Amino acid sequence: MFLQRMLEALLIEALRWQGVGTDGSTVAGLLSGMRDPAIARALRAIHADVRAGWTVAGLAGISGMSRSAFSDRFGALIGCAPIEYLARWRMALAKEALARGSKSLDRIAEEIGYESASAFSTAFRKRLGCPPGRFAREAAA
């Protein structure tokens, strides 16, 4: 319990330092996006329901912005396109689930918004350079 609380405190401190460059300028990243109310709404929506079939137009609507304005602002603040961010977040969740080893590929795929374990495996291999099964085995070792 103590170790978990200590890790949470360290994460909070790390997040406080992210987002501001040495010259006081804004640095692209999640913290910069969360500081912008419109982009923060889209980020909260993605994190609340990673399984949803998100589109740039749908996220722009949540943000109350046009598709192009949303895409430009999201990219400038976060450092990547909205759908790229979604894919990265899904893969981060998948890596965590695979490392824990308690869920099947079908279950992981469903939880992060892929239609099948096959589609998830293909996307995982393309992004990370190895199949999910090998990633899980290496994480367990």
Foldseek 3Di string as FASTA:
>chain_A
DVVVVVVVVVVVVVLVPAQADPVRDGDAADSQQCVDQLSVQLVVVCVVALQDPDDLCVSCVSSVHHSVVSQVVNCRRHVDGPVVVSLVVLLVQLLVCLLVPPDDLQVSCNRRHHPGSVVVQVSNCVVPVDGSNVSSVVSPD
